Amino acid sequence: MTRPPALPAPPHRAATPAAASSGGTARSWRPAAAVLAITPLLRYVVARHAVPPGTGRRTGCDACGAPIGPQRPWPALGPTARCGGCGARVGAPPATVELAVLAAVAALLLTHPPAVEMVVAGWWLAFAVPLLFIDLAVHRLPDRLTWPAAAGTWLLLGLAALTGADATPWLRAVAAGLGLALFFATTTLLLGARGFGIGDAKLALSAGTLLGWYGWSLPVFGLLLALTLSGLVALGLLVSRRARLSSHLPFGPYLVLGTVGALLLVW
């Protein structure tokens, strides 16, 4: 009895476009999951520094004194932002830091800037996001965050210039950062409390450097965008009688948003 001829092996099937796209999307969002994992650390930075000027940095819950820190990230430093001892809110409002970080990561992944520029932007955002919430809470921008943001941005862009063929973008970036910081500091010296704060000038040092890497016009556009956003919010608060002409509004959050908005135009 003869055996039936063996059937030929089925041809290898290439992955369908949908499957390939699904796999690529999953791989591309893995960095987002990794970044979201550090949000307890960012929440800790906000909780620790969101205190009035002249006050020591916060080390525990204001209501019950329960200690908070990176070694105890839950639940006080989780999305609920509640103390594990008494349930009082600690630091930024619930889920806000997580949403801000997710939005920043999504912008980086969807715009696909060059790798070096993505690293620089990631460094700056790691400080800018906590500064945004701290300024909203207590109207201050701590030196412990503004100076490292500027120094790291200068250094990383300098390394990018060294590995490239031209140092002109880095020199322009440094000049733009210094110029924008000088503008903010000058308004403080001339107008006092009616001008921008020195903390805003220190934040502008890094924001101007980051934008100046792409040209002279982008720092100006970022500043105009920040001024427009702050003006619209101030007008809304005046109309709703939630603020007066003499009220002082923090400018740091609008400078962060203006910088991000300007970057999205060139990526």
Protein backbone atom coordinates (compact mmCIF):
# COMPACT_ATOMS: atom_id res chain seq x y z
CA MET A 1 0.00 0.00 0.00
CA THR A 2 1.57 3.22 -1.12
CA ARG A 3 1.58 6.34 0.98
CA PRO A 4 -0.22 9.45 -0.33
CA PRO A 5 2.11 12.16 -1.49
CA ALA A 6 3.02 14.64 1.21
CA LEU A 7 1.25 17.94 1.04
CA PRO A 8 3.47 20.98 0.44
CA ALA A 9 4.14 23.15 3.44
CA PRO A 10 1.90 26.23 3.59
CA PRO A 11 3.66 29.36 2.43
CA HIS A 12 4.93 31.75 5.09
CA ARG A 13 2.46 34.51 5.64
CA ALA A 14 3.82 37.98 6.09
CA ALA A 15 2.36 40.03 8.84
CA THR A 16 -0.67 42.00 7.72
CA PRO A 17 -0.40 45.78 7.76
CA ALA A 18 -2.88 45.94 10.61
CA ALA A 19 -0.83 43.52 12.72
CA ALA A 20 2.41 45.29 11.92
CA SER A 21 0.85 48.62 12.76
CA SER A 22 -0.55 47.26 16.00
CA GLY A 23 2.83 45.88 17.02
CA GLY A 24 4.60 49.11 16.13
CA THR A 25 2.07 51.14 18.08
CA ALA A 26 2.49 48.92 21.12
CA ARG A 27 6.27 49.28 20.97
CA SER A 28 6.07 53.04 20.50
CA TRP A 29 3.90 53.48 23.58
CA ARG A 30 6.18 51.51 25.87
CA PRO A 31 8.23 54.64 26.66
CA ALA A 32 4.97 56.34 27.66
CA ALA A 33 4.28 53.64 30.23
CA ALA A 34 7.83 53.96 31.57
CA VAL A 35 7.52 57.75 31.89
CA LEU A 36 4.15 57.49 33.62
CA ALA A 37 5.83 55.26 36.18
CA ILE A 38 7.86 58.24 37.43
CA THR A 39 4.82 60.44 38.07
CA PRO A 40 4.95 59.65 41.83
CA LEU A 41 8.41 61.26 41.84
CA LEU A 42 7.06 64.34 40.04
CA ARG A 43 4.17 64.48 42.50
CA TYR A 44 6.68 64.32 45.34
CA VAL A 45 8.58 67.28 43.86
CA VAL A 46 5.34 69.28 43.66
CA ALA A 47 4.27 68.39 47.20
CA ARG A 48 7.72 69.13 48.62
CA HIS A 49 8.16 72.54 46.99
CA ALA A 50 4.58 73.85 46.85
CA VAL A 51 5.00 75.81 50.07
CA PRO A 52 4.96 79.59 50.72
CA PRO A 53 8.26 81.47 50.32
CA GLY A 54 10.46 81.25 53.39
CA THR A 55 8.86 77.99 54.50
CA GLY A 56 10.84 74.77 54.78
CA ARG A 57 10.17 72.11 52.19
CA ARG A 58 7.26 69.81 53.00
CA THR A 59 8.17 66.35 54.29
CA GLY A 60 4.76 65.07 55.33
CA CYS A 61 1.02 65.60 55.33
CA ASP A 62 0.03 69.05 56.60
CA ALA A 63 -3.02 67.64 58.36
CA CYS A 64 -1.66 64.63 60.27
CA GLY A 65 2.11 64.75 59.74
CA ALA A 66 2.31 61.35 58.04
CA PRO A 67 5.62 61.23 56.14
CA ILE A 68 5.58 61.22 52.35
CA GLY A 69 8.43 60.42 49.99
CA PRO A 70 9.59 58.33 47.04
CA GLN A 71 9.98 55.36 49.36
CA ARG A 72 6.26 55.66 50.22
CA PRO A 73 4.64 56.59 46.91
CA TRP A 74 1.14 55.30 47.60
CA PRO A 75 -1.46 56.55 48.09
CA ALA A 76 -0.34 60.14 48.81
CA LEU A 77 1.82 60.30 45.67
CA GLY A 78 -0.56 58.34 43.48
CA PRO A 79 -3.24 59.73 41.16
CA THR A 80 -5.71 60.20 44.04
CA ALA A 81 -3.25 62.52 45.84
CA ARG A 82 -4.64 61.59 49.24
CA CYS A 83 -2.76 61.01 52.48
CA GLY A 84 -2.84 57.40 53.59
CA GLY A 85 -3.31 58.46 57.21
CA CYS A 86 -6.11 61.01 57.20
CA GLY A 87 -7.25 61.22 53.57
CA ALA A 88 -6.31 64.89 53.16
CA ARG A 89 -5.14 66.03 49.75
CA VAL A 90 -1.39 66.20 49.30
CA GLY A 91 0.21 68.28 46.53
CA ALA A 92 -1.31 68.72 43.08
CA PRO A 93 -5.00 67.92 42.45
CA PRO A 94 -5.89 64.30 41.67
CA ALA A 95 -4.81 62.94 38.26
CA THR A 96 -3.54 66.34 37.03
CA VAL A 97 0.16 65.48 37.06
CA GLU A 98 -0.53 62.17 35.35
CA LEU A 99 -2.60 63.86 32.63
CA ALA A 100 0.08 66.51 32.07
CA VAL A 101 2.81 63.88 31.74
CA LEU A 102 0.66 61.77 29.42
CA ALA A 103 -0.04 64.80 27.21
CA ALA A 104 3.69 65.63 27.04
CA VAL A 105 4.63 62.06 26.13
CA ALA A 106 1.88 61.88 23.52
CA ALA A 107 3.13 65.10 21.92
CA LEU A 108 6.69 63.73 21.74
CA LEU A 109 5.59 60.41 20.27
CA LEU A 110 3.17 61.84 17.73
CA THR A 111 5.48 64.59 16.45
CA HIS A 112 8.62 62.38 16.34
CA PRO A 113 11.33 65.03 16.83
CA PRO A 114 14.95 63.92 16.30
CA ALA A 115 16.29 61.72 19.10
CA VAL A 116 18.61 64.36 20.56
CA GLU A 117 15.91 67.01 20.57
CA MET A 118 13.48 64.55 22.17
CA VAL A 119 15.96 63.94 25.01
CA VAL A 120 16.44 67.68 25.56
CA ALA A 121 12.69 68.31 25.53
CA GLY A 122 12.16 65.41 27.93
CA TRP A 123 14.74 66.84 30.33
CA TRP A 124 13.11 70.26 30.25
CA LEU A 125 9.59 68.89 30.69
CA ALA A 126 10.69 66.84 33.71
CA PHE A 127 11.24 70.16 35.49
CA ALA A 128 8.63 72.27 33.71
CA VAL A 129 5.68 70.06 34.69
CA PRO A 130 6.32 70.30 38.47
CA LEU A 131 7.09 74.02 38.13
CA LEU A 132 3.72 74.55 36.46
CA PHE A 133 1.82 73.06 39.40
CA ILE A 134 4.02 74.70 42.04
CA ASP A 135 3.53 78.16 40.52
CA LEU A 136 -0.23 77.62 40.31
CA ALA A 137 -0.35 76.61 43.97
CA VAL A 138 1.97 79.10 45.69
CA HIS A 139 3.13 81.58 43.00
CA ARG A 140 6.79 80.66 43.15
CA LEU A 141 9.34 78.91 40.93
CA PRO A 142 12.03 77.31 43.13
CA ASP A 143 15.71 77.64 42.18
CA ARG A 144 16.15 73.92 42.84
CA LEU A 145 14.13 73.27 39.68
CA THR A 146 14.72 76.28 37.42
CA TRP A 147 18.54 76.15 37.54
CA PRO A 148 18.86 72.41 36.72
CA ALA A 149 16.35 72.86 33.89
CA ALA A 150 18.52 75.59 32.36
CA ALA A 151 21.85 73.87 32.99
CA GLY A 152 20.69 70.56 31.56
CA THR A 153 19.19 72.20 28.49
CA TRP A 154 22.42 74.10 27.81
CA LEU A 155 24.56 71.01 28.31
CA LEU A 156 22.48 68.63 26.22
CA LEU A 157 22.17 71.08 23.34
CA GLY A 158 25.90 71.73 23.60
CA LEU A 159 26.58 68.02 23.24
CA ALA A 160 24.27 67.96 20.22
CA ALA A 161 26.26 70.83 18.69
CA LEU A 162 29.56 69.04 19.34
CA THR A 163 28.37 65.89 17.60
CA GLY A 164 27.01 67.94 14.67
CA ALA A 165 28.78 69.99 12.07
CA ASP A 166 27.84 73.48 13.27
CA ALA A 167 27.80 75.21 16.64
CA THR A 168 25.62 78.08 15.38
CA PRO A 169 22.29 76.63 16.70
CA TRP A 170 23.75 76.24 20.19
CA LEU A 171 25.18 79.77 20.27
CA ARG A 172 21.84 81.12 19.08
CA ALA A 173 20.01 79.06 21.71
CA VAL A 174 22.20 80.39 24.53
CA ALA A 175 21.76 83.97 23.31
CA ALA A 176 17.99 83.53 23.03
CA GLY A 177 17.76 82.10 26.55
CA LEU A 178 19.81 84.93 28.03
CA GLY A 179 17.83 87.52 26.07
CA LEU A 180 14.46 86.18 27.17
CA ALA A 181 15.60 85.94 30.80
CA LEU A 182 16.93 89.50 30.64
CA PHE A 183 13.57 90.71 29.34
CA PHE A 184 11.74 89.15 32.28
CA ALA A 185 14.28 90.41 34.81
CA THR A 186 14.10 93.93 33.40
CA THR A 187 10.33 94.09 33.88
CA THR A 188 10.85 93.05 37.50
CA LEU A 189 13.44 95.77 38.09
CA LEU A 190 11.38 98.47 36.37
CA LEU A 191 7.85 97.54 37.44
CA GLY A 192 8.40 95.71 40.72
CA ALA A 193 5.42 93.60 41.74
CA ARG A 194 3.56 94.61 38.56
CA GLY A 195 6.24 92.98 36.40
CA PHE A 196 7.29 89.39 36.01
CA GLY A 197 9.05 87.66 38.89
CA ILE A 198 12.70 86.64 39.05
CA GLY A 199 11.53 83.04 39.05
CA ASP A 200 9.87 83.66 35.69
CA ALA A 201 13.20 85.00 34.39
CA LYS A 202 14.99 81.84 35.52
CA LEU A 203 12.39 79.64 33.84
CA ALA A 204 12.65 81.79 30.70
CA LEU A 205 16.37 81.02 30.65
CA SER A 206 15.72 77.37 29.83
CA ALA A 207 12.59 77.97 27.75
CA GLY A 208 14.34 80.55 25.57
CA THR A 209 17.33 78.26 25.12
CA LEU A 210 15.13 75.35 24.05
CA LEU A 211 13.23 77.49 21.54
CA GLY A 212 16.28 79.38 20.30
CA TRP A 213 17.78 76.13 19.00
CA TYR A 214 15.26 76.32 16.14
CA GLY A 215 15.67 79.99 15.23
CA TRP A 216 15.29 83.56 16.43
CA SER A 217 11.57 83.81 15.73
CA LEU A 218 10.45 80.85 17.84
CA PRO A 219 11.30 82.36 21.28
CA VAL A 220 9.34 85.46 20.28
CA PHE A 221 6.40 83.33 19.17
CA GLY A 222 6.51 81.29 22.37
CA LEU A 223 6.50 84.47 24.46
CA LEU A 224 3.60 85.95 22.48
CA LEU A 225 1.66 82.72 22.84
CA ALA A 226 2.25 82.70 26.60
CA LEU A 227 1.19 86.36 26.89
CA THR A 228 -1.94 85.66 24.85
CA LEU A 229 -2.93 82.67 26.98
CA SER A 230 -2.35 84.55 30.23
CA GLY A 231 -4.28 87.57 28.94
CA LEU A 232 -7.28 85.45 27.96
CA VAL A 233 -7.33 83.72 31.33
CA ALA A 234 -6.96 87.02 33.17
CA LEU A 235 -9.82 88.52 31.15
CA GLY A 236 -12.01 85.53 31.95
CA LEU A 237 -11.24 85.87 35.67
CA LEU A 238 -12.02 89.60 35.60
CA VAL A 239 -15.32 89.09 33.79
CA SER A 240 -16.33 86.34 36.23
CA ARG A 241 -15.18 88.55 39.15
CA ARG A 242 -12.81 85.90 40.40
CA ALA A 243 -9.91 88.36 40.18
CA ARG A 244 -9.31 92.11 40.29
CA LEU A 245 -6.98 94.38 38.37
CA SER A 246 -4.63 94.34 41.36
CA SER A 247 -4.55 90.52 41.55
CA HIS A 248 -1.25 88.79 40.85
CA LEU A 249 -1.49 85.80 38.54
CA PRO A 250 1.34 83.28 38.10
CA PHE A 251 2.96 83.41 34.67
CA GLY A 252 5.05 80.23 34.85
CA PRO A 253 2.25 77.89 33.64
CA TYR A 254 1.63 80.04 30.58
CA LEU A 255 5.34 80.20 29.79
CA VAL A 256 5.45 76.39 29.89
CA LEU A 257 2.37 76.07 27.67
CA GLY A 258 3.64 78.74 25.27
CA THR A 259 6.98 76.94 24.97
CA VAL A 260 5.32 73.59 24.28
CA GLY A 261 2.95 75.16 21.75
CA ALA A 262 5.84 76.77 19.89
CA LEU A 263 7.79 73.50 19.83
CA LEU A 264 4.85 71.65 18.30
CA LEU A 265 5.04 73.98 15.31
CA VAL A 266 8.57 72.95 14.38
CA TRP A 267 8.45 69.22 15.14
